[in-house]
Amino acid sequence: MKDFVAIDLETANPQRVSACAIGYAKVSNCKLTDAKGHLIKPVGGHAPFQSKIHGIKEEHTFDKPYFGELFPKIKDVFNYPLVAHSLFDKQVLDALSEHFNLGLNFHYIDSCAVAKEKLPHLKDCKLKTLVKHFGLPAFKHHDAKEDAISCANVFLKLQDQDTEQALSTPCDELSEFKGMLRGILADDQVNYKEAYELLYWLEDHKQVGKQYQTQYCKIKESLSDDRLDSIEATDIKMVLSHTLSEFE
């Protein structure tokens, strides 16, 4: 894929719709041609735990537009295939589209899933790991613009790994669920974004969520106070590890 836009969103609270920053990097003919970042007034305001992660607070966004107001300025981004390094960003975009009645329709590629296919020997496929693996410039994680630029560069490198391999997705929901568990547990840790990504996925895939209701309830309970401490993360990791072992 020679032309695409890499994208990254940061959220201000546990709601999917609470985007407080968006960054994007445009690639044309396999060259990075443009990159921008915007702060956004989040739906539902800022929660302390999320602000601690990315440093974005009320003082930074009180005079910024809501996503629906910003959209006319950035709508051309959605004319290109979108690449982001998780399903989380798609979940946020879908929620924003629904909330602001934008009717977004876009082709989306999860570069983390592509990395798992093409680089199965790596311990994990987090963005920082891949940046280091490919010898790319260091970046400030959780800065939406810098994350998007790094995602774009990583995806270009991933395409170089095997130009004949299709960028596929799992053929069924259980396979996708299993792949998510493997990705989350690859570095033997569960972070806040991974926990919410899986929670949102289970909410969107109700049949799997019902089948794995214990896991869903455990994650939801752990996130009920809008944060994830080390004990809760360890508890989720144990539950997910047990679930993954049942697949093997």
Protein backbone atom coordinates (compact mmCIF):
# COMPACT_ATOMS: atom_id res chain seq x y z
CA MET A 1 0.00 0.00 0.00
CA LYS A 2 1.67 3.20 -1.19
CA ASP A 3 -0.86 5.77 -0.01
CA PHE A 4 -2.43 5.82 3.44
CA VAL A 5 -2.84 7.89 6.60
CA ALA A 6 -1.54 6.65 9.93
CA ILE A 7 -3.66 7.85 12.82
CA ASP A 8 -3.58 7.92 16.62
CA LEU A 9 -6.11 9.10 19.19
CA GLU A 10 -5.82 9.75 22.91
CA THR A 11 -8.86 9.60 25.17
CA ALA A 12 -9.59 11.73 28.22
CA ASN A 13 -11.77 9.33 30.20
CA PRO A 14 -13.06 5.73 29.94
CA GLN A 15 -15.74 6.59 27.37
CA ARG A 16 -14.86 5.60 23.81
CA VAL A 17 -16.09 8.95 22.58
CA SER A 18 -13.76 10.99 24.81
CA ALA A 19 -11.00 11.75 22.28
CA CYS A 20 -8.84 14.64 23.50
CA ALA A 21 -6.12 14.47 20.83
CA ILE A 22 -5.73 13.20 17.31
CA GLY A 23 -2.56 12.86 15.29
CA TYR A 24 -2.18 11.75 11.69
CA ALA A 25 0.66 11.19 9.25
CA LYS A 26 -0.02 11.10 5.51
CA VAL A 27 2.01 8.79 3.29
CA SER A 28 2.04 9.28 -0.49
CA ASN A 29 3.93 6.90 -2.77
CA CYS A 30 5.57 5.34 0.30
CA LYS A 31 6.89 8.72 1.51
CA LEU A 32 5.79 10.61 4.61
CA THR A 33 4.48 13.90 3.23
CA ASP A 34 2.58 15.54 6.08
CA ALA A 35 1.86 15.14 9.79
CA LYS A 36 -0.40 17.10 12.10
CA GLY A 37 -1.81 16.93 15.60
CA HIS A 38 -4.86 18.54 17.17
CA LEU A 39 -6.12 18.82 20.72
CA ILE A 40 -9.84 18.20 21.16
CA LYS A 41 -12.35 19.13 23.84
CA PRO A 42 -13.38 15.68 25.10
CA VAL A 43 -16.91 14.48 25.62
CA GLY A 44 -17.27 13.83 29.36
CA GLY A 45 -14.24 15.86 30.44
CA HIS A 46 -10.89 14.70 31.75
CA ALA A 47 -10.25 11.92 34.27
CA PRO A 48 -7.06 12.02 36.38
CA PHE A 49 -5.85 8.55 35.41
CA GLN A 50 -5.92 9.24 31.68
CA SER A 51 -4.35 12.69 32.13
CA LYS A 52 -1.49 11.04 33.99
CA ILE A 53 -0.86 8.78 30.98
CA HIS A 54 -0.68 11.41 28.23
CA GLY A 55 -0.41 14.69 30.16
CA ILE A 56 -3.45 16.30 28.53
CA LYS A 57 -5.67 18.16 31.01
CA GLU A 58 -8.62 20.51 31.09
CA GLU A 59 -6.28 23.50 30.87
CA HIS A 60 -5.07 22.24 27.50
CA THR A 61 -8.45 21.59 25.87
CA PHE A 62 -11.01 23.97 27.41
CA ASP A 63 -10.84 26.26 24.38
CA LYS A 64 -10.46 23.54 21.74
CA PRO A 65 -13.22 22.28 19.43
CA TYR A 66 -15.17 19.09 19.97
CA PHE A 67 -14.38 16.41 17.40
CA GLY A 68 -17.57 17.19 15.50
CA GLU A 69 -16.44 20.82 15.17
CA LEU A 70 -12.90 19.82 14.16
CA PHE A 71 -14.07 17.26 11.61
CA PRO A 72 -14.63 19.62 8.63
CA LYS A 73 -10.97 20.66 8.93
CA ILE A 74 -9.62 17.11 8.86
CA LYS A 75 -12.29 15.21 6.90
CA ASP A 76 -9.99 14.61 3.92
CA VAL A 77 -7.98 12.23 6.11
CA PHE A 78 -10.82 9.75 5.89
CA ASN A 79 -10.58 9.55 2.10
CA TYR A 80 -7.48 7.37 2.53
CA PRO A 81 -7.00 3.93 4.09
CA LEU A 82 -6.34 4.44 7.79
CA VAL A 83 -3.58 2.63 9.66
CA ALA A 84 -3.33 2.60 13.45
CA HIS A 85 -1.43 0.45 15.88
CA SER A 86 -4.40 -1.19 17.60
CA LEU A 87 -8.13 -1.69 17.24
CA PHE A 88 -8.61 0.91 19.96
CA ASP A 89 -8.39 3.84 17.57
CA LYS A 90 -11.08 2.35 15.32
CA GLN A 91 -13.30 1.83 18.34
CA VAL A 92 -12.87 5.50 19.26
CA LEU A 93 -13.49 6.70 15.69
CA ASP A 94 -16.66 4.62 15.40
CA ALA A 95 -17.92 6.09 18.68
CA LEU A 96 -17.11 9.64 17.58
CA SER A 97 -18.83 9.09 14.25
CA GLU A 98 -21.98 7.88 15.97
CA HIS A 99 -21.96 10.57 18.67
CA PHE A 100 -21.52 13.45 16.23
CA ASN A 101 -23.58 11.83 13.44
CA LEU A 102 -20.68 12.01 10.97
CA GLY A 103 -21.39 8.84 9.01
CA LEU A 104 -17.70 7.92 8.79
CA ASN A 105 -16.88 5.06 6.45
CA PHE A 106 -13.22 4.14 6.15
CA HIS A 107 -10.88 1.25 5.40
CA TYR A 108 -8.90 0.43 8.55
CA ILE A 109 -5.74 -1.61 9.08
CA ASP A 110 -4.39 -2.56 12.50
CA SER A 111 -0.60 -2.43 12.04
CA CYS A 112 -0.10 -4.32 15.31
CA ALA A 113 -2.04 -7.27 13.90
CA VAL A 114 0.02 -7.09 10.70
CA ALA A 115 3.22 -7.13 12.75
CA LYS A 116 2.10 -10.24 14.63
CA GLU A 117 1.62 -12.01 11.28
CA LYS A 118 4.89 -10.91 9.75
CA LEU A 119 7.19 -10.89 12.78
CA PRO A 120 6.07 -13.86 14.90
CA HIS A 121 9.56 -14.19 16.39
CA LEU A 122 9.30 -10.88 18.28
CA LYS A 123 8.38 -11.07 21.96
CA ASP A 124 5.71 -8.43 21.46
CA CYS A 125 4.56 -6.08 18.71
CA LYS A 126 4.01 -2.90 20.64
CA LEU A 127 4.85 0.32 18.76
CA LYS A 128 7.98 1.03 20.82
CA THR A 129 9.24 -2.52 20.25
CA LEU A 130 8.81 -2.24 16.49
CA VAL A 131 10.41 1.20 16.33
CA LYS A 132 13.46 -0.25 18.08
CA HIS A 133 13.40 -3.43 15.94
CA PHE A 134 13.46 -1.42 12.69
CA GLY A 135 15.98 1.12 13.97
CA LEU A 136 13.56 4.02 13.58
CA PRO A 137 13.89 7.33 15.48
CA ALA A 138 12.73 7.35 19.09
CA PHE A 139 9.41 9.08 19.75
CA LYS A 140 7.32 10.46 22.58
CA HIS A 141 4.72 7.80 23.33
CA HIS A 142 1.14 9.05 23.91
CA ASP A 143 1.81 12.16 21.85
CA ALA A 144 -0.78 11.58 19.11
CA LYS A 145 1.23 13.17 16.29
CA GLU A 146 4.46 11.36 17.19
CA ASP A 147 2.63 8.06 17.61
CA ALA A 148 1.06 8.50 14.17
CA ILE A 149 4.41 9.25 12.53
CA SER A 150 5.99 6.20 14.13
CA CYS A 151 3.02 4.07 13.11
CA ALA A 152 3.40 5.24 9.50
CA ASN A 153 7.11 4.43 9.46
CA VAL A 154 6.56 1.03 11.07
CA PHE A 155 3.83 0.13 8.58
CA LEU A 156 6.10 1.03 5.67
CA LYS A 157 8.76 -1.27 7.12
CA LEU A 158 6.22 -4.05 7.66
CA GLN A 159 5.20 -3.91 4.02
CA ASP A 160 8.84 -4.37 3.06
CA GLN A 161 8.97 -7.62 5.04
CA ASP A 162 6.87 -9.56 2.57
CA THR A 163 5.33 -7.71 -0.35
CA GLU A 164 3.38 -10.75 -1.48
CA GLN A 165 1.65 -11.42 1.82
CA ALA A 166 -1.92 -10.18 2.07
CA LEU A 167 -2.84 -7.92 4.97
CA SER A 168 -5.45 -10.24 6.35
CA THR A 169 -7.57 -10.36 9.46
CA PRO A 170 -8.69 -13.42 11.43
CA CYS A 171 -11.38 -15.39 9.65
CA ASP A 172 -13.74 -15.62 12.62
CA GLU A 173 -14.46 -13.90 15.92
CA LEU A 174 -12.92 -16.58 18.13
CA SER A 175 -9.70 -16.48 16.12
CA GLU A 176 -9.64 -12.71 16.47
CA PHE A 177 -10.28 -13.01 20.21
CA LYS A 178 -7.45 -15.54 20.55
CA GLY A 179 -5.12 -13.27 18.60
CA MET A 180 -5.95 -10.34 20.87
CA LEU A 181 -5.18 -12.41 23.97
CA ARG A 182 -1.84 -13.48 22.53
CA GLY A 183 -0.94 -9.89 21.67
CA ILE A 184 -1.89 -8.54 25.09
CA LEU A 185 0.03 -11.25 26.94
CA ALA A 186 3.10 -11.22 24.69
CA ASP A 187 5.07 -8.97 27.06
CA ASP A 188 3.56 -10.58 30.20
CA GLN A 189 1.80 -7.33 31.11
CA VAL A 190 -1.66 -5.83 30.68
CA ASN A 191 -1.86 -2.07 30.34
CA TYR A 192 -4.84 0.25 30.57
CA LYS A 193 -5.30 0.72 26.81
CA GLU A 194 -5.13 -3.03 26.15
CA ALA A 195 -7.73 -3.70 28.85
CA TYR A 196 -10.16 -1.17 27.40
CA GLU A 197 -9.55 -2.34 23.84
CA LEU A 198 -10.51 -5.88 24.86
CA LEU A 199 -13.49 -4.69 26.92
CA TYR A 200 -14.83 -2.67 23.99
CA TRP A 201 -14.24 -5.60 21.63
CA LEU A 202 -16.22 -7.98 23.85
CA GLU A 203 -19.04 -5.44 24.05
CA ASP A 204 -19.11 -5.21 20.25
CA HIS A 205 -18.95 -9.00 19.75
CA LYS A 206 -21.77 -10.05 22.02
CA GLN A 207 -21.72 -13.74 21.21
CA VAL A 208 -18.08 -14.09 22.23
CA GLY A 209 -18.66 -11.75 25.16
CA LYS A 210 -21.46 -13.99 26.38
CA GLN A 211 -19.33 -17.11 25.93
CA TYR A 212 -16.51 -15.50 27.93
CA GLN A 213 -18.67 -13.59 30.38
CA THR A 214 -16.36 -14.30 33.33
CA GLN A 215 -13.47 -12.64 31.53
CA TYR A 216 -15.65 -9.73 30.44
CA CYS A 217 -16.94 -9.15 33.97
CA LYS A 218 -13.44 -9.33 35.44
CA ILE A 219 -12.13 -6.66 33.08
CA LYS A 220 -15.18 -4.45 33.58
CA GLU A 221 -14.94 -4.77 37.36
CA SER A 222 -11.22 -3.93 37.30
CA LEU A 223 -11.92 -0.78 35.28
CA SER A 224 -15.01 0.27 37.26
CA ASP A 225 -13.08 3.00 39.07
CA ASP A 226 -11.79 4.37 35.74
CA ARG A 227 -8.21 3.28 36.40
CA LEU A 228 -6.07 0.14 36.37
CA ASP A 229 -3.61 -0.47 39.20
CA SER A 230 -0.91 -3.13 39.23
CA ILE A 231 -2.97 -5.62 41.26
CA GLU A 232 -5.94 -5.33 38.89
CA ALA A 233 -3.63 -5.66 35.89
CA THR A 234 -2.14 -8.82 37.36
CA ASP A 235 -5.59 -10.26 38.03
CA ILE A 236 -6.66 -9.61 34.44
CA LYS A 237 -3.42 -11.14 33.16
CA MET A 238 -4.08 -14.33 35.14
CA VAL A 239 -7.64 -14.61 33.81
CA LEU A 240 -6.55 -14.01 30.22
CA SER A 241 -3.61 -16.43 30.54
CA HIS A 242 -5.97 -19.15 31.71
CA THR A 243 -8.35 -18.37 28.84
CA LEU A 244 -5.56 -18.53 26.29
CA SER A 245 -4.36 -21.87 27.68
CA GLU A 246 -7.82 -23.29 27.00
CA PHE A 247 -7.36 -22.43 23.32
CA GLU A 248 -4.03 -24.21 23.06
